[in-house]
Protein backbone atom coordinates (compact mmCIF):
# COMPACT_ATOMS: atom_id res chain seq x y z
CA MET A 1 125.41 149.20 245.34
CA HIS A 2 128.87 150.85 244.34
CA GLU A 3 131.82 150.07 245.45
CA VAL A 4 132.98 152.11 248.71
CA SER A 5 135.74 153.14 247.25
CA ALA A 6 134.44 154.07 243.70
CA HIS A 7 135.19 158.10 243.04
CA ALA A 8 132.32 160.46 242.29
CA VAL A 9 133.24 163.41 240.38
CA ILE A 10 130.83 166.20 240.12
CA VAL A 11 132.27 168.84 237.21
CA GLY A 12 130.17 172.30 237.31
CA ALA A 13 129.81 174.01 241.22
CA GLY A 14 126.27 175.43 240.79
CA HIS A 15 122.84 174.81 242.10
CA ALA A 16 122.70 171.38 240.70
CA GLY A 17 126.32 170.03 241.40
CA GLY A 18 126.06 171.43 244.89
CA PHE A 19 123.07 169.60 245.48
CA ALA A 20 124.25 166.36 243.76
CA ALA A 21 127.09 165.86 246.26
CA ALA A 22 124.69 166.27 249.12
CA VAL A 23 122.44 163.99 247.78
CA LEU A 24 125.23 161.45 247.11
CA ARG A 25 125.93 161.51 250.57
CA GLN A 26 122.58 161.38 252.58
CA TYR A 27 121.74 158.69 250.02
CA GLY A 28 124.67 156.73 250.82
CA TRP A 29 127.60 156.88 248.75
CA LYS A 30 130.55 156.04 250.44
CA GLY A 31 133.49 157.10 248.14
CA PRO A 32 135.16 160.18 247.55
CA ILE A 33 133.43 162.78 246.12
CA THR A 34 135.39 165.57 244.53
CA LEU A 35 133.54 168.78 243.26
CA VAL A 36 134.78 170.95 240.39
CA GLY A 37 134.01 174.67 240.13
CA ALA A 38 134.89 177.17 237.50
CA GLU A 39 133.88 180.02 240.06
CA PRO A 40 135.99 180.87 243.57
CA ILE A 41 133.07 180.73 245.54
CA PRO A 42 131.17 177.45 247.03
CA PRO A 43 127.67 176.46 245.22
CA TYR A 44 124.97 179.16 245.67
CA GLN A 45 121.43 180.07 244.20
CA ARG A 46 121.63 181.80 240.83
CA PRO A 47 117.96 183.52 241.09
CA PRO A 48 118.54 186.22 243.87
CA LEU A 49 121.20 187.51 241.54
CA SER A 50 118.59 189.33 239.45
CA LYS A 51 116.39 190.36 242.49
CA ALA A 52 117.77 190.84 246.16
CA TRP A 53 121.05 190.79 245.31
CA LEU A 54 121.48 193.52 242.83
CA THR A 55 118.97 195.80 245.50
CA GLY A 56 121.41 194.65 248.52
CA GLY A 57 118.53 193.04 250.06
CA SER A 58 120.65 189.79 250.27
CA ASP A 59 124.08 189.01 251.36
CA LEU A 60 126.80 186.14 250.63
CA ALA A 61 126.12 183.97 253.49
CA SER A 62 121.97 184.02 251.96
CA LEU A 63 122.75 183.08 248.59
CA LEU A 64 125.32 180.13 249.60
CA LEU A 65 123.17 176.37 249.17
CA ARG A 66 125.20 175.15 252.31
CA PRO A 67 127.98 176.65 254.65
CA ALA A 68 131.75 176.36 253.40
CA ALA A 69 132.39 173.95 256.35
CA PHE A 70 129.23 171.42 255.12
CA TYR A 71 131.65 170.20 252.14
CA ALA A 72 134.97 169.37 254.78
CA ALA A 73 132.37 167.97 257.30
CA ASN A 74 130.87 165.59 254.55
CA ALA A 75 134.08 164.35 253.06
CA ILE A 76 133.43 166.44 249.65
CA THR A 77 137.01 167.86 247.99
CA LEU A 78 135.83 170.86 246.73
CA ARG A 79 138.22 172.39 244.33
CA LEU A 80 136.97 176.21 242.84
CA SER A 81 138.71 178.16 240.45
CA SER A 82 139.68 175.07 238.72
CA LEU A 83 138.01 174.85 234.89
CA VAL A 84 138.19 171.01 233.26
CA THR A 85 139.24 171.10 229.93
CA ASP A 86 139.31 167.91 228.78
CA ILE A 87 137.30 164.46 229.76
CA ASP A 88 139.23 160.91 228.78
CA ARG A 89 136.43 158.92 228.26
CA ALA A 90 138.92 155.71 227.99
CA ASN A 91 140.54 156.25 230.83
CA ARG A 92 138.60 157.93 232.85
CA SER A 93 140.24 161.28 233.42
CA LEU A 94 139.68 164.41 233.31
CA SER A 95 142.15 167.54 232.48
CA LEU A 96 142.34 170.88 234.37
CA ASP A 97 143.40 174.73 233.16
CA THR A 98 146.15 174.45 236.00
CA GLY A 99 148.03 171.04 233.87
CA GLU A 100 146.02 168.55 236.80
CA SER A 101 144.43 166.28 236.39
CA ILE A 102 141.39 164.31 237.97
CA ALA A 103 140.44 160.08 237.74
CA TYR A 104 136.89 159.49 238.18
CA ASP A 105 134.74 155.93 238.41
CA HIS A 106 131.50 157.86 237.85
CA LEU A 107 131.16 161.69 236.34
CA ILE A 108 128.10 164.07 237.04
CA LEU A 109 128.26 167.05 234.43
CA ALA A 110 126.44 169.87 235.97
CA LEU A 111 127.98 172.35 233.72
CA GLY A 112 125.26 174.63 233.33
CA ALA A 113 124.25 177.51 230.77
CA GLN A 114 125.82 181.00 229.37
CA ALA A 115 124.38 183.85 229.22
CA ARG A 116 123.25 184.44 224.74
CA MET A 117 125.51 187.47 223.75
CA LEU A 118 124.79 189.57 221.06
CA SER A 119 126.58 189.50 218.10
CA VAL A 120 126.51 193.94 216.93
CA PRO A 121 128.94 196.05 216.97
CA GLY A 122 129.71 197.30 220.45
CA ARG A 123 129.49 194.39 222.17
CA ASP A 124 132.73 194.74 224.02
CA LEU A 125 132.40 198.21 225.12
CA VAL A 126 132.18 199.25 228.94
CA GLY A 127 128.97 199.72 230.65
CA VAL A 128 127.58 196.37 228.35
CA PHE A 129 126.64 193.49 230.72
CA GLU A 130 125.24 190.03 231.24
CA LEU A 131 123.64 188.41 234.06
CA ARG A 132 124.56 184.91 235.11
CA THR A 133 127.08 184.65 237.46
CA MET A 134 127.63 186.24 240.92
CA ALA A 135 130.57 187.91 239.35
CA ASP A 136 128.31 189.51 236.92
CA ALA A 137 125.75 191.09 239.03
CA ASP A 138 128.50 192.47 241.07
CA ARG A 139 129.20 194.54 237.88
CA LEU A 140 125.84 195.20 237.16
CA LYS A 141 125.07 196.52 241.17
CA ALA A 142 128.35 198.64 241.69
CA THR A 143 126.64 200.62 238.47
CA LEU A 144 123.32 200.47 239.26
CA ARG A 145 122.59 203.97 240.96
CA PRO A 146 119.33 206.46 240.90
CA GLY A 147 119.19 208.11 237.84
CA LEU A 148 121.46 205.56 235.73
CA ARG A 149 119.50 205.45 232.42
CA LEU A 150 119.71 201.23 232.23
CA THR A 151 118.73 200.15 228.52
CA ILE A 152 117.31 196.37 229.13
CA ILE A 153 117.64 194.29 225.73
CA GLY A 154 115.38 191.28 226.63
CA ALA A 155 112.08 190.77 227.98
CA GLY A 156 112.21 187.68 229.46
CA TYR A 157 112.46 186.70 233.51
CA ILE A 158 116.44 187.46 233.77
CA GLY A 159 115.11 191.05 231.89
CA LEU A 160 111.99 191.86 233.40
CA GLU A 161 113.49 191.11 237.52
CA ALA A 162 116.35 193.72 236.55
CA ALA A 163 114.56 196.06 235.56
CA ALA A 164 112.44 195.23 239.15
CA SER A 165 115.34 195.81 240.71
CA ALA A 166 116.85 198.63 238.62
CA ARG A 167 113.76 200.48 239.38
CA ALA A 168 113.58 199.69 243.12
CA ILE A 169 116.95 201.47 242.71
CA GLY A 170 115.31 204.53 241.48
CA ALA A 171 117.23 203.98 237.93
CA ASP A 172 115.85 204.78 234.79
CA VAL A 173 114.95 201.64 232.61
CA THR A 174 114.06 201.12 229.28
CA VAL A 175 113.39 197.34 228.10
CA ILE A 176 113.87 196.37 224.34
CA GLU A 177 112.51 193.30 223.15
CA ARG A 178 112.67 191.58 219.54
CA GLU A 179 109.35 189.99 219.86
CA SER A 180 105.44 191.29 220.07
CA ARG A 181 105.05 191.53 223.73
CA VAL A 182 107.12 190.33 226.99
CA LEU A 183 107.82 187.14 227.92
CA ALA A 184 107.07 186.09 224.40
CA ARG A 185 108.53 182.36 225.09
CA VAL A 186 108.00 181.41 228.13
CA ALA A 187 104.07 183.00 229.11
CA SER A 188 100.53 182.76 227.41
CA GLN A 189 99.62 186.38 226.10
CA ARG A 190 97.47 187.38 229.32
CA LEU A 191 100.23 186.95 231.86
CA SER A 192 102.21 188.70 228.81
CA ASP A 193 100.02 191.31 229.06
CA PHE A 194 99.52 191.76 232.97
CA PHE A 195 103.32 192.02 233.35
CA GLN A 196 103.80 194.71 230.42
CA ARG A 197 100.81 196.74 232.38
CA ARG A 198 102.68 196.42 235.83
CA HIS A 199 106.03 197.53 234.40
CA GLU A 200 104.67 200.51 232.81
CA ALA A 201 102.85 201.13 235.96
CA GLY A 202 106.35 200.95 238.21
CA GLY A 203 108.39 203.48 235.32
CA VAL A 204 109.44 200.99 232.98
CA ARG A 205 109.27 202.27 229.19
CA ILE A 206 108.91 198.91 226.93
CA ILE A 207 109.87 198.79 223.27
CA LEU A 208 108.31 196.05 221.71
CA ASP A 209 108.75 194.60 217.80
CA ALA A 210 112.58 195.98 218.24
CA ALA A 211 115.83 194.50 216.37
CA ILE A 212 119.17 195.72 217.65
CA GLU A 213 121.59 197.23 214.90
CA ALA A 214 124.41 198.49 217.20
CA PHE A 215 125.59 199.61 220.61
CA GLU A 216 127.10 203.17 220.84
CA GLY A 217 129.75 204.74 222.62
CA THR A 218 131.68 207.32 223.61
CA ASP A 219 135.85 206.70 224.44
CA GLY A 220 134.74 203.19 224.76
CA ARG A 221 131.44 203.32 227.15
CA ALA A 222 128.22 202.53 225.93
CA THR A 223 126.11 205.31 225.62
CA GLY A 224 123.35 204.17 223.72
CA VAL A 225 121.30 201.73 221.45
CA ARG A 226 120.54 201.75 218.05
CA LEU A 227 117.29 199.94 216.76
CA ALA A 228 117.19 198.93 213.34
CA GLY A 229 115.66 201.39 211.53
CA GLY A 230 118.07 204.47 213.41
CA ARG A 231 116.17 205.35 216.09
CA ARG A 232 118.97 205.55 219.24
CA ILE A 233 117.67 204.58 222.50
CA ALA A 234 120.46 207.01 224.99
CA CYS A 235 121.30 205.06 228.07
CA ASP A 236 124.26 204.88 230.56
CA ALA A 237 124.18 201.23 230.79
CA VAL A 238 123.28 198.15 229.00
CA LEU A 239 122.07 194.55 230.19
CA VAL A 240 121.89 192.26 227.49
CA ALA A 241 119.45 189.10 228.91
CA ILE A 242 118.32 187.38 225.67
CA GLY A 243 118.39 184.25 227.58
CA ALA A 244 121.43 181.01 227.98
CA THR A 245 122.67 178.61 225.94
CA PRO A 246 123.86 175.18 227.48
CA ASN A 247 127.37 174.81 228.74
CA ASP A 248 127.82 171.36 226.13
CA ALA A 249 130.71 171.74 224.51
CA LEU A 250 133.28 169.95 227.04
CA ALA A 251 130.22 167.34 226.37
CA ARG A 252 130.51 167.27 222.58
CA SER A 253 134.35 167.27 222.44
CA ALA A 254 134.51 164.26 224.39
CA GLY A 255 132.00 162.56 221.89
CA LEU A 256 128.72 162.58 224.05
CA THR A 257 125.50 162.78 222.23
CA CYS A 258 124.63 166.63 222.46
CA ALA A 259 121.54 168.19 220.94
CA ASP A 260 121.00 171.72 221.86
CA GLY A 261 121.88 170.09 225.07
CA ILE A 262 123.49 166.93 226.81
CA VAL A 263 121.04 164.60 225.81
CA VAL A 264 119.95 162.41 229.00
CA ASP A 265 117.50 159.36 230.07
CA ALA A 266 115.38 159.41 233.33
CA ALA A 267 118.68 158.49 235.36
CA ALA A 268 120.43 161.52 233.96
CA ARG A 269 122.51 159.55 232.29
CA THR A 270 124.31 160.33 228.99
CA SER A 271 125.33 157.91 226.01
CA ASP A 272 128.91 157.61 227.91
CA PRO A 273 126.93 154.81 231.34
CA MET A 274 130.13 155.96 233.29
CA ILE A 275 128.81 159.45 232.65
CA GLN A 276 125.72 161.66 233.96
CA ALA A 277 124.40 165.20 233.28
CA ILE A 278 122.37 167.03 235.31
CA GLY A 279 120.53 170.67 235.07
CA ASP A 280 120.45 173.75 232.41
CA CYS A 281 123.28 171.82 230.52
CA THR A 282 120.78 168.81 229.80
CA ARG A 283 118.05 167.72 227.08
CA ARG A 284 115.91 165.46 229.02
CA SER A 285 112.59 163.86 228.47
CA LEU A 286 109.17 165.53 229.39
CA PRO A 287 107.13 162.12 230.12
CA LEU A 288 103.91 164.67 231.03
CA TYR A 289 104.14 166.35 227.77
CA GLN A 290 105.63 163.07 225.50
CA ARG A 291 108.65 164.75 224.18
CA THR A 292 112.22 166.12 224.97
CA GLY A 293 113.23 169.46 226.10
CA ARG A 294 115.73 171.76 228.04
CA LEU A 295 114.64 172.90 231.24
CA GLU A 296 116.65 176.57 232.45
CA SER A 297 115.26 175.88 236.52
CA VAL A 298 116.40 175.41 239.86
CA PRO A 299 113.81 172.73 240.46
CA ASN A 300 114.94 170.70 237.57
CA ALA A 301 118.61 170.99 239.11
CA LEU A 302 117.15 169.33 242.08
CA GLU A 303 115.36 166.47 240.28
CA GLN A 304 117.91 165.68 238.10
CA ALA A 305 120.16 165.72 240.59
CA LYS A 306 118.43 163.23 242.91
CA GLN A 307 117.81 160.91 239.15
CA ALA A 308 121.77 160.78 239.38
CA SER A 309 122.39 160.23 243.30
CA ALA A 310 119.74 157.44 243.03
CA SER A 311 120.80 155.43 239.94
CA LEU A 312 124.81 155.72 241.25
CA CYS A 313 123.18 154.56 244.86
CA GLY A 314 121.52 151.91 243.98
CA ARG A 315 117.72 153.60 245.26
CA THR A 316 114.53 153.48 244.11
CA PRO A 317 114.11 156.16 241.45
CA PRO A 318 112.48 159.47 242.72
CA ALA A 319 108.90 159.79 241.37
CA PRO A 320 108.30 161.77 237.94
CA GLU A 321 108.03 165.79 238.84
CA VAL A 322 106.09 168.28 237.40
CA PRO A 323 107.77 171.24 235.60
CA TRP A 324 107.71 174.16 237.88
CA PHE A 325 108.90 177.33 237.67
CA TRP A 326 108.96 181.23 239.55
CA SER A 327 109.32 184.86 239.39
CA ASP A 328 109.72 187.43 241.94
CA GLN A 329 108.95 191.37 240.28
CA TYR A 330 107.92 194.02 242.69
CA GLU A 331 105.45 192.72 244.94
CA VAL A 332 104.35 190.31 242.32
CA ARG A 333 105.19 186.25 242.81
CA LEU A 334 104.71 184.15 239.12
CA GLN A 335 104.93 180.54 239.70
CA ILE A 336 103.96 178.74 236.81
CA ALA A 337 103.54 174.69 237.09
CA GLY A 338 103.79 172.59 233.57
CA LEU A 339 104.54 174.07 230.70
CA LEU A 340 102.17 175.43 227.77
CA PHE A 341 102.56 172.73 225.43
CA ASP A 342 99.47 171.46 223.19
CA VAL A 343 97.38 173.86 224.86
CA SER A 344 93.66 174.63 223.35
CA GLU A 345 92.33 176.93 226.09
CA GLY A 346 93.41 179.30 228.36
CA VAL A 347 91.16 179.48 231.89
CA VAL A 348 91.13 182.39 233.99
CA ARG A 349 90.20 181.87 237.59
CA GLY A 350 89.75 184.91 239.74
CA ASP A 351 90.08 189.15 238.59
CA PRO A 352 93.47 190.25 237.02
CA ALA A 353 92.77 193.56 237.95
CA THR A 354 93.35 192.32 242.05
CA GLY A 355 96.75 191.47 241.11
CA ALA A 356 95.82 188.04 242.65
CA PHE A 357 94.81 185.36 239.55
CA ALA A 358 95.46 182.61 237.86
CA ILE A 359 95.37 180.92 234.52
CA PHE A 360 94.77 177.14 234.13
CA HIS A 361 95.44 175.72 230.48
CA LEU A 362 94.21 173.25 228.94
CA ALA A 363 94.19 170.21 226.42
CA ALA A 364 91.71 169.86 223.66
CA ASN A 365 90.57 167.06 225.83
CA GLY A 366 90.21 168.83 229.10
CA VAL A 367 93.43 168.05 230.63
CA VAL A 368 95.30 170.75 232.95
CA GLN A 369 98.90 171.64 230.55
CA ALA A 370 99.91 174.18 232.94
CA VAL A 371 98.65 176.65 235.16
CA GLU A 372 100.16 180.21 235.54
CA ALA A 373 99.65 181.40 239.26
CA VAL A 374 99.89 185.28 240.29
CA ASN A 375 100.09 185.79 243.76
CA ALA A 376 97.77 182.85 243.90
CA ALA A 377 99.87 179.97 245.71
CA ALA A 378 97.22 177.87 246.60
CA GLU A 379 96.29 177.97 242.79
CA PHE A 380 99.40 176.92 242.01
CA MET A 381 99.86 173.87 244.63
CA ALA A 382 96.65 172.31 242.69
CA GLY A 383 97.58 173.19 239.39
CA ARG A 384 100.73 171.60 240.06
CA THR A 385 98.18 168.22 241.39
CA MET A 386 95.69 168.30 238.77
CA ILE A 387 98.98 168.17 236.20
CA ALA A 388 100.54 165.35 237.34
CA LYS A 389 96.82 163.77 237.86
CA ARG A 390 96.25 164.64 234.24
CA LYS A 391 93.40 165.89 235.50
CA GLN A 392 89.92 166.55 232.89
CA VAL A 393 88.02 169.41 234.47
CA ALA A 394 85.33 171.59 232.73
CA PRO A 395 86.17 175.39 232.32
CA ALA A 396 83.25 176.83 233.83
CA ARG A 397 84.17 174.88 237.40
CA LEU A 398 87.68 176.51 237.14
CA ARG A 399 86.08 179.93 236.75
CA ASP A 400 83.63 179.49 239.46
CA MET A 401 85.26 180.86 242.32
CA SER A 402 82.49 178.86 244.53
CA SER A 403 83.98 175.82 243.49
CA SER A 404 86.66 175.00 245.63
CA LEU A 405 90.10 173.44 244.74
CA ARG A 406 89.64 170.71 246.69
CA GLU A 407 86.75 169.92 245.01
CA LEU A 408 88.60 170.58 241.78
CA ILE A 409 91.44 168.44 242.51
CA ALA A 410 89.59 165.50 243.50
């Protein structure tokens, strides 16, 4: 167990950092806790930023992880609008952009990720947006209106969620994707086809296999996107949604091992035993798939926060979880469990034409590796259980809707 006076400092007041502070107290941490965040507001949920927040369907109180009063009530010092510029590992001290320093006994880095920007001419034009923080979302929200011509670069989760939200407001939306299908990096071909059809039915124009050459503008404001080959897409605003890169620069400068993210073990420890890292900024072990990877998801942030807190508080480590993700677009709730590694067959359960179905992805030996569930919560939950149990299932039984999920799990 830690010393009662030991000071835990968490850098990054996002979902991972905010949850870690709360779980440390829940798990019995007696010493001081300081939570340092660059943004001016307490920890909040980011997923709604591309959905309900854009459409006006949520307010700040609903986004906050916990009421602001929670932190003082639990003796958690909240340092907002504060940027950590340096880690002095030898002296266990942090430097802030204010010129102040904070000493720590144990440090948790919850640095998150930043939106990836396109390095093309015109990227600094007014009306070219990214979507990572509440401030980003507020700028985009203030611009959206019925009839606005919005061009979205990238057909991943954020791009498609924002497209659905913009259409709900009445904007005219075009999505441009460099790959040959939407959701190319995160979903199967069948799921990509389903979402492309749904967006096109909702009035979204989708352009695939397209490279961006430049953003064009008049008087400093974006007015169009020029594609390789010369085609021009006229617009009033552009949202760049081409993924995120881990915020690992601070860790790199401190000499911590990084490889497209801060490398951590199963207890979220970095190469320095006094420093842990959690959330989008990390590269972690994926034991179910016998490899390492970087997971950008709320469930991953929460799992690693529990790993770090359990380690610091001398508690039994939490059981490894199956990675999972979700996305809301229009009336569609997508839930994915597992990862599409080493998959040899995809088995569809249900009828995609009804808007409710699941795709179970099997390895060559029949083990369920992942499930993509569209408006199919029961299949999602069953799939998570199958993945955790390394369950072998015959494809014919999965397809057969008369085979109950309970039987398939057993």
